[in-house]
């Protein structure tokens, strides 16, 4: 199908008016040096190993609960906790099973935050009284009391005004309260109370506490990027009188080593992006390769997940191109052509004897039969003896012929990039990419008979284009039904898992395939915050949609959410 068949004048092209990349080829042509005041990179790695052993001994031998909590808190703030997962788990298990003999707000709040963010069960006593001893949330029994914060309230049920003289305690309370769940009213009250008093005290505080309070008031601790927090906290921790010099030295070495790795990855990603050649051929694209890599590095920054970052970044780059095509440049007719091409691509599904999604097997097979009749996919069964040779499915390159000329190259690059993912994996890990394809089919099985009968992310983007072209304002439910899928969150999570080695087991892929509440909630929050931010910048999102979204966000302003 050629461009000449389309009439752009009937449905005009939109323009995103995106500015060029601010970075250009900086990360290709420049090699940032992080070792000017340090010794060689090999020396830094060796010294870091020595310091890790020293810190592990401290975590093992520290018996005082207050000192142990302070060590763990500092290690987490500095972004080096991934080196000590076993030691921290053991220390927190001891903290969980030992009574904390302290009535200070800082220690009580710090203990609560360290335990809850690590997944230890927490109970709300007034809920137990109301619902009985078997009360649980999300199938977890909760047995550490949030009502211990009641000791800091006065006779009228309000947090005591005397707490305003304890800024360190208020900061700890503020950070802890953001780990509250919806039913914990006391933590909602804690956020309001501590924020008001921290704001009033902020100008009178001195570093490093003043710096920590300032960051907290802009972005709560749980919502910050760990690498940015590590960079800021290194400077703050250096000013602490009770700092641990071994931990500080390790944090500096580790930050420089990890940043060096990230720059090398970004160089390779930038070269890949240039070699792809799409930014020159598709003039409407957002050239945001650095920003997209930064996003993914915020998801998993650790050195062990280098391959995961590379795969996930490439996936989100290709997804953004698809988004820009539908949302910015393509005519309605071209959108329909691209949608038809993606939907008509034969997808070869392999149903093995040990089918991984057992609880969905019957319903999914019915959908696959329907899709096969419609010509949307083909599937067959294989026994275990043929599993290795049958474990890779490939897209049909002939689907490219259906596309307008300017999209053919993109489609080819999309398919070839996924094939490269398979080629990069060891034979025993190639099944991971097939999980991505299973996810596509599972999405189809869930959405095919839904209200809008979407069959893929591309179909969702196409529906949004139809709304724009016909000047239609969707209802809030229509907006959410569509946009939760168009965030592509499940796909990105799966993309990260593909490159995570043995950490991402088959059970992890099955978890993503089930589209659990955590994944849906993440997509929902992302969608609503993106809409709110976009409306502030471009004023293109309907105010009625935003107003309806506020109750879901619990009436929290955009600034507070970030």
Protein backbone atom coordinates (compact mmCIF):
# COMPACT_ATOMS: atom_id res chain seq x y z
CA UNK A 1 0.00 0.00 0.00
CA UNK A 2 1.56 3.28 -1.10
CA UNK A 3 1.25 6.75 0.40
CA UNK A 4 -0.32 7.99 -2.82
CA UNK A 5 -3.51 6.17 -1.88
CA UNK A 6 -4.00 8.34 1.16
CA UNK A 7 -5.44 11.84 1.14
CA UNK A 8 -3.79 13.77 4.01
CA UNK A 9 -6.02 16.77 3.36
CA UNK A 10 -9.12 14.91 4.55
CA UNK A 11 -7.62 14.22 7.94
CA UNK A 12 -4.76 16.64 8.54
CA UNK A 13 -1.51 15.60 10.14
CA UNK A 14 -0.90 16.73 13.68
CA UNK A 15 2.46 18.11 14.70
CA UNK A 16 4.03 17.42 18.07
CA UNK A 17 6.50 20.26 17.50
CA UNK A 18 9.09 18.36 19.49
CA UNK A 19 12.43 20.02 20.01
CA UNK A 20 15.58 18.15 18.87
CA UNK A 21 17.53 16.05 21.31
CA UNK A 22 19.41 18.15 23.85
CA UNK A 23 22.22 15.58 23.92
CA UNK A 24 23.03 14.88 20.29
CA UNK A 25 25.95 12.43 20.13
CA UNK A 26 27.43 13.54 23.44
CA UNK A 27 27.46 10.07 24.98
CA UNK A 28 29.04 8.61 21.82
CA UNK A 29 31.83 11.14 21.32
CA UNK A 30 32.56 11.85 24.99
CA UNK A 31 33.85 9.43 27.59
CA UNK A 32 33.12 10.99 31.00
CA UNK A 33 35.97 10.36 33.41
CA UNK A 34 34.99 9.55 36.98
CA UNK A 35 38.45 8.65 38.17
CA UNK A 36 40.32 11.96 38.03
CA UNK A 37 40.77 12.01 41.81
CA UNK A 38 40.67 8.24 42.19
CA UNK A 39 43.01 5.44 41.25
CA UNK A 40 42.43 3.00 38.42
CA UNK A 41 39.08 1.35 37.81
CA UNK A 42 40.50 -2.05 38.78
CA UNK A 43 41.78 -0.60 42.06
CA UNK A 44 38.35 0.89 42.75
CA UNK A 45 36.68 -2.49 42.24
CA UNK A 46 39.17 -4.23 44.50
CA UNK A 47 38.80 -1.58 47.20
CA UNK A 48 35.02 -1.79 46.95
CA UNK A 49 35.16 -5.54 47.58
CA UNK A 50 37.27 -4.98 50.69
CA UNK A 51 34.81 -2.39 51.99
CA UNK A 52 31.83 -4.66 51.28
CA UNK A 53 33.36 -7.34 53.49
CA UNK A 54 33.87 -4.77 56.24
CA UNK A 55 30.29 -3.53 56.03
CA UNK A 56 28.93 -7.09 56.07
CA UNK A 57 30.77 -7.76 59.30
CA UNK A 58 29.25 -4.64 60.84
CA UNK A 59 25.76 -5.71 59.87
CA UNK A 60 26.37 -9.16 61.35
CA UNK A 61 27.94 -8.00 64.61
CA UNK A 62 25.81 -4.96 65.46
CA UNK A 63 23.46 -6.02 68.25
CA UNK A 64 22.01 -2.64 69.22
CA UNK A 65 18.68 -2.20 67.41
CA UNK A 66 19.01 1.57 67.07
CA UNK A 67 22.49 1.31 65.58
CA UNK A 68 21.37 -1.49 63.27
CA UNK A 69 18.43 0.57 61.99
CA UNK A 70 20.69 3.58 61.38
CA UNK A 71 23.17 1.45 59.42
CA UNK A 72 20.47 -0.05 57.23
CA UNK A 73 18.82 3.33 56.66
CA UNK A 74 22.12 4.91 55.59
CA UNK A 75 22.99 1.97 53.33
CA UNK A 76 19.60 2.19 51.60
CA UNK A 77 19.77 5.96 51.15
CA UNK A 78 23.25 5.63 49.65
CA UNK A 79 22.02 3.10 47.10
CA UNK A 80 24.39 0.29 48.08
CA UNK A 81 21.83 -1.97 49.77
CA UNK A 82 21.79 -4.30 46.75
CA UNK A 83 25.21 -5.56 47.91
CA UNK A 84 23.82 -6.63 51.29
CA UNK A 85 20.39 -8.15 50.66
CA UNK A 86 21.04 -11.25 52.78
CA UNK A 87 22.55 -9.32 55.69
CA UNK A 88 19.76 -6.71 55.66
CA UNK A 89 17.08 -9.41 55.53
CA UNK A 90 18.60 -11.10 58.57
CA UNK A 91 18.93 -7.83 60.50
CA UNK A 92 15.35 -6.80 59.75
CA UNK A 93 14.06 -10.24 60.70
CA UNK A 94 15.75 -9.76 64.07
CA UNK A 95 14.26 -6.27 64.34
CA UNK A 96 10.81 -7.63 63.53
CA UNK A 97 10.99 -10.29 66.25
CA UNK A 98 12.47 -8.04 68.93
CA UNK A 99 10.67 -5.42 70.98
CA UNK A 100 11.95 -1.91 70.37
CA UNK A 101 12.35 -0.23 73.74
CA UNK A 102 12.04 3.32 72.51
CA UNK A 103 9.38 5.98 72.70
CA UNK A 104 11.16 8.42 70.37
CA UNK A 105 9.24 9.31 67.21
CA UNK A 106 12.27 8.88 64.95
CA UNK A 107 13.01 5.31 66.05
CA UNK A 108 9.37 4.19 66.03
CA UNK A 109 8.75 5.64 62.56
CA UNK A 110 12.06 4.35 61.18
CA UNK A 111 11.34 0.83 62.40
CA UNK A 112 7.89 0.95 60.81
CA UNK A 113 9.27 2.14 57.46
CA UNK A 114 12.16 -0.33 57.30
CA UNK A 115 9.88 -3.27 58.04
CA UNK A 116 6.97 -2.32 55.83
CA UNK A 117 9.03 -1.46 52.76
CA UNK A 118 10.75 -4.82 53.14
CA UNK A 119 7.38 -6.59 53.07
CA UNK A 120 7.03 -7.54 56.72
CA UNK A 121 3.33 -7.88 57.68
CA UNK A 122 1.83 -4.93 59.54
CA UNK A 123 -1.52 -4.92 61.37
CA UNK A 124 -3.95 -2.09 62.03
CA UNK A 125 -5.45 -2.88 65.43
CA UNK A 126 -8.67 -0.95 65.00
CA UNK A 127 -9.34 -2.97 61.83
CA UNK A 128 -8.77 -6.20 63.71
CA UNK A 129 -11.27 -5.05 66.33
CA UNK A 130 -13.81 -4.28 63.60
CA UNK A 131 -13.34 -7.30 61.36
CA UNK A 132 -12.00 -9.95 63.71
CA UNK A 133 -8.64 -11.59 64.32
CA UNK A 134 -8.56 -13.16 60.86
CA UNK A 135 -8.50 -9.76 59.13
CA UNK A 136 -5.94 -9.62 56.36
CA UNK A 137 -5.04 -7.35 53.46
CA UNK A 138 -4.00 -8.79 50.12
CA UNK A 139 -3.86 -12.27 51.68
CA UNK A 140 -1.15 -11.25 54.16
CA UNK A 141 -1.65 -11.44 57.90
CA UNK A 142 -0.57 -8.16 59.47
CA UNK A 143 1.02 -8.26 62.92
CA UNK A 144 3.07 -5.11 63.62
CA UNK A 145 0.89 -2.33 64.96
CA UNK A 146 0.53 0.97 63.14
CA UNK A 147 -1.48 2.06 66.16
CA UNK A 148 1.82 2.50 67.98
CA UNK A 149 1.71 5.99 66.47
CA UNK A 150 -1.26 6.70 68.73
CA UNK A 151 1.18 7.23 71.60
CA UNK A 152 2.17 10.47 69.88
CA UNK A 153 -1.37 11.87 69.98
CA UNK A 154 -2.96 14.11 72.60
CA UNK A 155 -6.24 13.66 74.47
CA UNK A 156 -8.20 15.07 71.53
CA UNK A 157 -6.89 12.47 69.12
CA UNK A 158 -4.53 14.83 67.29
CA UNK A 159 -0.78 14.50 66.93
CA UNK A 160 0.83 16.35 69.82
CA UNK A 161 2.02 19.87 69.05
CA UNK A 162 5.22 19.19 71.00
CA UNK A 163 6.33 16.98 68.10
CA UNK A 164 6.90 20.13 66.07
CA UNK A 165 10.15 20.55 68.04
CA UNK A 166 11.49 17.26 66.68
CA UNK A 167 12.22 17.81 62.96
CA UNK A 168 14.18 14.55 62.63
CA UNK A 169 11.25 12.64 64.08
CA UNK A 170 8.79 14.50 61.85
CA UNK A 171 10.83 13.62 58.77
CA UNK A 172 10.89 9.95 59.75
CA UNK A 173 7.14 10.03 60.35
CA UNK A 174 6.57 11.72 56.98
CA UNK A 175 8.68 9.14 55.14
CA UNK A 176 7.01 6.24 56.93
CA UNK A 177 3.46 7.48 56.42
CA UNK A 178 3.77 7.30 52.64
CA UNK A 179 3.86 3.52 52.98
CA UNK A 180 0.31 3.56 54.31
CA UNK A 181 -2.55 1.70 52.71
CA UNK A 182 -5.97 3.20 52.04
CA UNK A 183 -7.59 2.09 55.30
CA UNK A 184 -4.88 3.56 57.54
CA UNK A 185 -6.36 6.93 58.41
CA UNK A 186 -3.71 7.56 61.05
CA UNK A 187 -0.99 7.60 58.39
CA UNK A 188 -2.99 10.02 56.25
CA UNK A 189 -3.15 12.27 59.29
CA UNK A 190 0.59 11.79 59.83
CA UNK A 191 1.37 13.04 56.32
CA UNK A 192 -0.69 16.22 56.78
CA UNK A 193 0.62 16.91 60.28
CA UNK A 194 4.30 16.29 59.56
CA UNK A 195 4.25 18.17 56.25
CA UNK A 196 2.73 21.29 57.79
CA UNK A 197 5.34 21.42 60.55
CA UNK A 198 8.27 20.49 58.31
CA UNK A 199 7.34 23.32 55.96
CA UNK A 200 7.20 25.78 58.83
CA UNK A 201 10.57 24.60 60.20
CA UNK A 202 12.42 24.15 56.90
CA UNK A 203 13.97 27.61 56.74
CA UNK A 204 15.40 27.26 60.26
CA UNK A 205 17.10 23.90 59.70
CA UNK A 206 20.74 23.41 58.82
CA UNK A 207 22.37 20.87 56.50
CA UNK A 208 22.35 17.95 56.23
CA UNK A 209 18.86 17.70 57.77
CA UNK A 210 17.71 20.78 55.86
CA UNK A 211 18.64 19.09 52.57
CA UNK A 212 16.76 15.90 53.45
CA UNK A 213 13.64 17.82 54.47
CA UNK A 214 13.76 19.92 51.30
CA UNK A 215 13.90 16.81 49.08
CA UNK A 216 11.13 15.11 51.05
CA UNK A 217 8.76 18.05 50.67
CA UNK A 218 9.29 18.01 46.90
CA UNK A 219 9.24 14.23 46.45
CA UNK A 220 8.44 11.67 49.18
CA UNK A 221 11.21 9.16 49.76
CA UNK A 222 9.30 6.20 48.31
CA UNK A 223 8.79 8.03 45.00
CA UNK A 224 12.35 9.12 44.33
CA UNK A 225 14.79 7.58 41.89
CA UNK A 226 17.32 5.65 43.93
CA UNK A 227 20.35 6.83 41.93
CA UNK A 228 19.45 10.49 42.36
CA UNK A 229 18.81 9.99 46.06
CA UNK A 230 22.18 8.22 46.38
CA UNK A 231 23.99 11.14 44.75
CA UNK A 232 22.33 13.70 47.03
CA UNK A 233 22.67 11.61 50.17
CA UNK A 234 26.39 11.00 49.67
CA UNK A 235 26.94 14.74 50.22
CA UNK A 236 24.52 14.80 53.15
CA UNK A 237 25.99 11.73 54.83
CA UNK A 238 29.48 13.18 54.56
CA UNK A 239 28.30 16.01 56.85
CA UNK A 240 26.90 13.65 59.50
CA UNK A 241 28.86 13.59 62.75
CA UNK A 242 28.01 9.92 63.32
CA UNK A 243 28.75 8.77 59.80
CA UNK A 244 30.45 5.45 59.10
CA UNK A 245 33.51 6.22 56.98
CA UNK A 246 33.69 2.73 55.46
CA UNK A 247 30.09 2.98 54.27
CA UNK A 248 30.70 6.47 52.88
CA UNK A 249 33.82 5.41 50.97
CA UNK A 250 32.02 2.39 49.54
CA UNK A 251 29.07 4.56 48.46
CA UNK A 252 31.36 6.92 46.55
CA UNK A 253 33.24 4.11 44.82
CA UNK A 254 30.07 2.24 43.97
CA UNK A 255 28.33 5.32 42.59
CA UNK A 256 31.23 6.09 40.25
CA UNK A 257 31.54 2.49 39.08
CA UNK A 258 27.83 2.14 38.39
CA UNK A 259 27.67 5.52 36.66
CA UNK A 260 30.58 4.51 34.45
CA UNK A 261 28.68 1.36 33.42
CA UNK A 262 25.53 3.40 32.72
CA UNK A 263 27.47 5.77 30.47
CA UNK A 264 28.91 2.83 28.53
CA UNK A 265 25.43 1.37 28.09
CA UNK A 266 24.08 4.74 26.98
CA UNK A 267 26.86 5.00 24.43
CA UNK A 268 25.91 1.60 22.99
CA UNK A 269 22.20 2.47 23.01
CA UNK A 270 22.92 5.78 21.24
CA UNK A 271 24.96 3.99 18.56
CA UNK A 272 22.12 1.48 18.10
CA UNK A 273 19.63 4.35 17.76
CA UNK A 274 21.76 6.09 15.13
CA UNK A 275 22.30 2.84 13.22
CA UNK A 276 18.55 2.23 13.26
CA UNK A 277 18.25 5.33 11.07
CA UNK A 278 14.61 6.00 11.93
CA UNK A 279 15.04 9.46 13.44
CA UNK A 280 16.16 10.78 10.03
CA UNK A 281 13.47 8.96 8.05
CA UNK A 282 10.53 9.67 10.37
CA UNK A 283 10.61 13.41 10.92
CA UNK A 284 7.84 13.45 13.54
CA UNK A 285 9.59 11.29 16.13
CA UNK A 286 10.65 12.41 19.58
CA UNK A 287 14.41 11.90 19.74
CA UNK A 288 14.59 11.09 23.45
CA UNK A 289 16.97 8.15 23.62
CA UNK A 290 18.83 9.52 26.66
CA UNK A 291 15.64 10.30 28.55
CA UNK A 292 14.20 6.84 27.83
CA UNK A 293 17.38 5.13 29.01
CA UNK A 294 17.27 7.26 32.15
CA UNK A 295 13.71 6.07 32.76
CA UNK A 296 14.68 2.42 32.46
CA UNK A 297 17.78 2.89 34.63
CA UNK A 298 15.42 4.14 37.31
CA UNK A 299 13.58 0.82 37.13
CA UNK A 300 16.67 -1.36 37.56
CA UNK A 301 20.02 0.36 37.99
CA UNK A 302 22.08 -2.51 39.38
CA UNK A 303 25.08 -3.72 37.33
CA UNK A 304 23.70 -7.26 37.15
CA UNK A 305 20.71 -5.98 35.16
CA UNK A 306 22.69 -4.41 32.33
CA UNK A 307 21.17 -6.71 29.72
CA UNK A 308 17.68 -6.00 31.07
CA UNK A 309 18.23 -2.25 30.69
CA UNK A 310 19.42 -2.61 27.12
CA UNK A 311 16.43 -4.74 26.08
CA UNK A 312 13.84 -2.65 27.93
CA UNK A 313 15.24 0.61 26.52
CA UNK A 314 15.05 -0.69 22.96
CA UNK A 315 11.48 -1.87 23.53
CA UNK A 316 10.32 1.47 24.93
CA UNK A 317 12.05 3.35 22.10
CA UNK A 318 10.21 1.27 19.48
CA UNK A 319 6.96 1.66 21.42
CA UNK A 320 7.35 5.45 21.51
CA UNK A 321 7.75 5.45 17.74
CA UNK A 322 4.47 3.58 17.43
CA UNK A 323 2.85 6.05 19.84
CA UNK A 324 4.10 9.08 17.89
CA UNK A 325 2.97 7.54 14.63
CA UNK A 326 -0.60 7.17 15.83
CA UNK A 327 -0.77 10.28 17.97
CA UNK A 328 1.15 12.86 15.95
CA UNK A 329 1.79 12.16 12.29
CA UNK A 330 -0.18 9.42 10.58
CA UNK A 331 -3.49 10.15 8.89
CA UNK A 332 -6.51 8.18 9.99
CA UNK A 333 -6.23 6.00 6.89
CA UNK A 334 -2.57 5.28 7.62
CA UNK A 335 -3.40 4.41 11.21
CA UNK A 336 -5.97 1.93 9.96
CA UNK A 337 -3.41 0.42 7.59
CA UNK A 338 -0.84 0.00 10.36
CA UNK A 339 -3.45 -1.45 12.70
CA UNK A 340 -4.60 -3.92 10.04
CA UNK A 341 -1.00 -4.95 9.32
CA UNK A 342 -0.25 -5.64 12.97
CA UNK A 343 -3.52 -7.49 13.49
CA UNK A 344 -3.09 -9.58 10.38
CA UNK A 345 0.42 -10.72 11.26
CA UNK A 346 0.34 -14.51 11.71
CA UNK A 347 1.41 -15.42 15.23
CA UNK A 348 2.64 -18.96 15.67
CA UNK A 349 1.73 -20.25 19.12
CA UNK A 350 3.32 -23.33 20.59
CA UNK A 351 1.19 -25.15 23.16
CA UNK A 352 3.55 -27.46 25.04
CA UNK A 353 2.60 -30.45 27.15
CA UNK A 354 3.63 -28.54 30.29
CA UNK A 355 1.59 -25.47 29.32
CA UNK A 356 2.65 -22.71 31.73
CA UNK A 357 -0.68 -20.93 32.16
CA UNK A 358 -2.63 -23.94 33.41
CA UNK A 359 -5.43 -21.98 35.08
CA UNK A 360 -6.10 -20.11 31.83
CA UNK A 361 -5.66 -23.11 29.54
CA UNK A 362 -9.29 -23.92 28.70
CA UNK A 363 -10.44 -20.35 28.12
CA UNK A 364 -7.28 -19.44 26.20
CA UNK A 365 -7.57 -22.42 23.87
CA UNK A 366 -11.12 -21.39 22.98
CA UNK A 367 -9.87 -17.92 22.09
CA UNK A 368 -7.00 -19.37 20.05
CA UNK A 369 -9.43 -21.49 18.07
CA UNK A 370 -11.53 -18.40 17.37
CA UNK A 371 -8.47 -16.39 16.33
CA UNK A 372 -7.29 -19.19 14.07
CA UNK A 373 -10.65 -19.26 12.32
CA UNK A 374 -10.33 -15.50 11.85
CA UNK A 375 -6.83 -15.98 10.40
CA UNK A 376 -5.15 -14.02 13.19
CA UNK A 377 -2.91 -16.79 14.49
CA UNK A 378 -1.88 -20.40 14.10
CA UNK A 379 -1.04 -22.81 16.89
CA UNK A 380 -0.14 -26.43 17.45
CA UNK A 381 0.86 -28.78 20.24
CA UNK A 382 4.27 -30.26 20.76
CA UNK A 383 5.61 -32.86 23.15
CA UNK A 384 8.64 -32.41 25.36
CA UNK A 385 10.99 -34.14 22.95
CA UNK A 386 10.34 -31.38 20.39
CA UNK A 387 10.30 -28.55 22.92
CA UNK A 388 13.74 -27.10 22.17
CA UNK A 389 13.34 -27.03 18.42
CA UNK A 390 9.83 -25.58 18.67
CA UNK A 391 10.35 -22.97 21.35
CA UNK A 392 10.94 -19.96 19.11
CA UNK A 393 8.13 -18.20 17.23
CA UNK A 394 8.84 -15.59 14.60
CA UNK A 395 6.69 -12.90 13.07
CA UNK A 396 5.81 -13.00 9.39
CA UNK A 397 7.89 -10.46 7.43
CA UNK A 398 5.32 -10.45 4.62
CA UNK A 399 3.10 -8.23 6.75
CA UNK A 400 5.39 -5.32 5.78
CA UNK A 401 3.85 -5.23 2.30
CA UNK A 402 0.58 -3.94 3.75
CA UNK A 403 2.14 -0.78 5.16
CA UNK A 404 2.58 2.70 3.69
CA UNK A 405 6.10 3.24 2.43
CA UNK A 406 7.37 5.42 5.24
CA UNK A 407 6.42 2.81 7.87
CA UNK A 408 7.90 -0.24 6.18
CA UNK A 409 11.40 0.40 7.51
CA UNK A 410 10.11 0.84 11.05
CA UNK A 411 8.16 -2.39 10.87
CA UNK A 412 11.22 -4.24 9.60
CA UNK A 413 13.36 -2.83 12.43
CA UNK A 414 10.71 -3.78 14.99
CA UNK A 415 10.70 -7.41 13.89
CA UNK A 416 14.47 -7.68 13.50
CA UNK A 417 15.08 -6.18 16.96
CA UNK A 418 12.94 -8.85 18.60
CA UNK A 419 14.81 -11.50 16.67
CA UNK A 420 18.07 -10.00 17.95
CA UNK A 421 16.77 -10.40 21.51
CA UNK A 422 16.39 -14.12 20.86
CA UNK A 423 19.83 -14.38 19.29
CA UNK A 424 21.43 -12.72 22.34
CA UNK A 425 19.99 -15.26 24.77
CA UNK A 426 21.45 -18.64 25.56
CA UNK A 427 19.56 -21.61 24.16
CA UNK A 428 18.00 -22.45 27.51
CA UNK A 429 16.79 -18.83 27.90
CA UNK A 430 15.26 -18.29 24.48
CA UNK A 431 11.86 -19.23 25.90
CA UNK A 432 11.81 -15.79 27.53
CA UNK A 433 11.02 -14.01 24.26
CA UNK A 434 8.23 -16.50 23.61
CA UNK A 435 6.68 -15.27 26.85
CA UNK A 436 6.39 -11.86 25.25
CA UNK A 437 4.44 -13.41 22.42
CA UNK A 438 2.31 -15.39 24.85
CA UNK A 439 1.55 -12.12 26.58
CA UNK A 440 0.36 -10.60 23.30
CA UNK A 441 -1.99 -13.51 22.77
CA UNK A 442 -3.15 -13.39 26.38
CA UNK A 443 -3.93 -9.71 25.95
CA UNK A 444 -5.96 -10.64 22.92
CA UNK A 445 -7.85 -13.31 24.87
CA UNK A 446 -8.71 -10.82 27.59
CA UNK A 447 -9.63 -7.93 25.33
CA UNK A 448 -11.13 -9.56 22.25
CA UNK A 449 -14.62 -9.74 23.70
CA UNK A 450 -14.36 -6.59 25.80
CA UNK A 451 -16.38 -3.48 25.13
CA UNK A 452 -14.07 -2.16 22.43
CA UNK A 453 -12.68 -5.51 21.23
CA UNK A 454 -9.06 -4.32 21.23
CA UNK A 455 -6.60 -6.90 20.00
CA UNK A 456 -3.27 -5.20 20.76
CA UNK A 457 -1.58 -2.04 21.95
CA UNK A 458 -1.64 -0.87 18.34
CA UNK A 459 -5.42 -1.27 18.27
CA UNK A 460 -5.65 0.92 21.37
CA UNK A 461 -3.51 3.62 19.82
CA UNK A 462 -5.73 3.41 16.73
CA UNK A 463 -8.89 3.89 18.83
CA UNK A 464 -7.42 7.03 20.42
CA UNK A 465 -6.71 8.35 16.93
CA UNK A 466 -10.33 7.71 15.93
CA UNK A 467 -11.46 9.76 18.94
CA UNK A 468 -9.24 12.65 17.90
CA UNK A 469 -10.29 12.55 14.26
CA UNK A 470 -13.99 12.60 15.12
CA UNK A 471 -13.65 15.20 17.89
CA UNK A 472 -15.06 12.69 20.37
CA UNK A 473 -14.55 13.09 24.11
CA UNK A 474 -14.53 9.60 25.66
CA UNK A 475 -16.10 8.87 29.01
CA UNK A 476 -13.72 8.41 31.89
CA UNK A 477 -14.29 4.63 31.85
CA UNK A 478 -13.60 4.50 28.11
CA UNK A 479 -10.45 6.53 28.65
CA UNK A 480 -9.16 4.17 31.36
CA UNK A 481 -10.14 1.01 29.48
CA UNK A 482 -8.05 2.16 26.55
CA UNK A 483 -5.18 3.94 28.21
CA UNK A 484 -4.29 1.28 30.77
CA UNK A 485 -3.30 -0.87 27.80
CA UNK A 486 -1.62 1.95 25.88
CA UNK A 487 0.82 2.53 28.74
CA UNK A 488 2.37 -0.80 27.64
CA UNK A 489 3.41 -1.44 31.25
CA UNK A 490 2.97 -5.24 31.17
CA UNK A 491 5.05 -5.41 28.01
CA UNK A 492 7.84 -3.32 29.55
CA UNK A 493 7.90 -5.39 32.73
CA UNK A 494 8.19 -8.52 30.63
CA UNK A 495 10.93 -6.86 28.55
CA UNK A 496 12.93 -6.18 31.72
CA UNK A 497 12.50 -9.77 32.85
CA UNK A 498 13.81 -11.11 29.53
CA UNK A 499 17.31 -9.80 30.29
CA UNK A 500 17.45 -10.47 34.03
CA UNK A 501 19.08 -13.86 33.88
CA UNK A 502 18.25 -16.42 36.56
CA UNK A 503 16.63 -13.80 38.78
CA UNK A 504 13.55 -13.79 36.53
CA UNK A 505 12.18 -17.30 36.76
CA UNK A 506 9.35 -18.80 34.74
CA UNK A 507 7.12 -18.05 37.72
CA UNK A 508 7.99 -14.36 37.34
CA UNK A 509 6.90 -14.40 33.70
CA UNK A 510 3.70 -16.20 34.66
CA UNK A 511 3.04 -13.51 37.25
CA UNK A 512 3.26 -10.79 34.59
CA UNK A 513 1.15 -12.82 32.19
CA UNK A 514 -1.62 -12.95 34.78
CA UNK A 515 -1.82 -9.11 34.70
CA UNK A 516 -1.97 -8.83 38.51
CA UNK A 517 -3.38 -5.87 40.37
CA UNK A 518 0.10 -4.43 40.96
CA UNK A 519 0.69 -4.18 37.21
CA UNK A 520 -2.76 -2.74 36.50
CA UNK A 521 -2.41 -0.22 39.33
CA UNK A 522 1.00 0.91 38.08
CA UNK A 523 -0.40 1.43 34.60
CA UNK A 524 -3.37 3.35 35.99
CA UNK A 525 -1.26 5.70 38.11
CA UNK A 526 1.11 6.29 35.20
CA UNK A 527 -1.77 7.03 32.83
CA UNK A 528 -3.50 9.49 35.16
CA UNK A 529 -0.32 11.31 36.10
CA UNK A 530 0.68 11.56 32.44
CA UNK A 531 -2.73 12.99 31.59
CA UNK A 532 -2.57 15.53 34.42
CA UNK A 533 0.95 16.61 33.48
CA UNK A 534 0.04 16.81 29.80
CA UNK A 535 -2.98 18.96 30.58
CA UNK A 536 -0.80 21.39 32.50
CA UNK A 537 1.61 21.67 29.58
CA UNK A 538 -0.60 21.45 26.50
CA UNK A 539 -4.15 21.87 27.84
CA UNK A 540 -5.27 19.12 25.44
CA UNK A 541 -6.72 16.72 28.00
CA UNK A 542 -10.37 17.23 28.88
CA UNK A 543 -10.81 18.86 32.27
CA UNK A 544 -13.78 16.59 32.88
CA UNK A 545 -11.49 13.55 32.67
CA UNK A 546 -9.03 15.11 35.08
CA UNK A 547 -11.75 16.05 37.54
CA UNK A 548 -13.06 12.50 37.50
CA UNK A 549 -9.57 11.11 38.12
CA UNK A 550 -9.01 13.05 41.34
CA UNK A 551 -11.01 10.71 43.58
CA UNK A 552 -8.91 7.79 42.35
CA UNK A 553 -5.75 9.70 43.24
CA UNK A 554 -7.22 10.34 46.70
CA UNK A 555 -7.33 14.07 46.08
CA UNK A 556 -3.52 14.30 46.13
CA UNK A 557 -2.01 17.04 43.96
CA UNK A 558 0.39 16.16 41.11
CA UNK A 559 3.29 17.72 42.99
CA UNK A 560 2.66 15.49 45.98
CA UNK A 561 2.39 12.38 43.82
CA UNK A 562 5.91 12.90 42.60
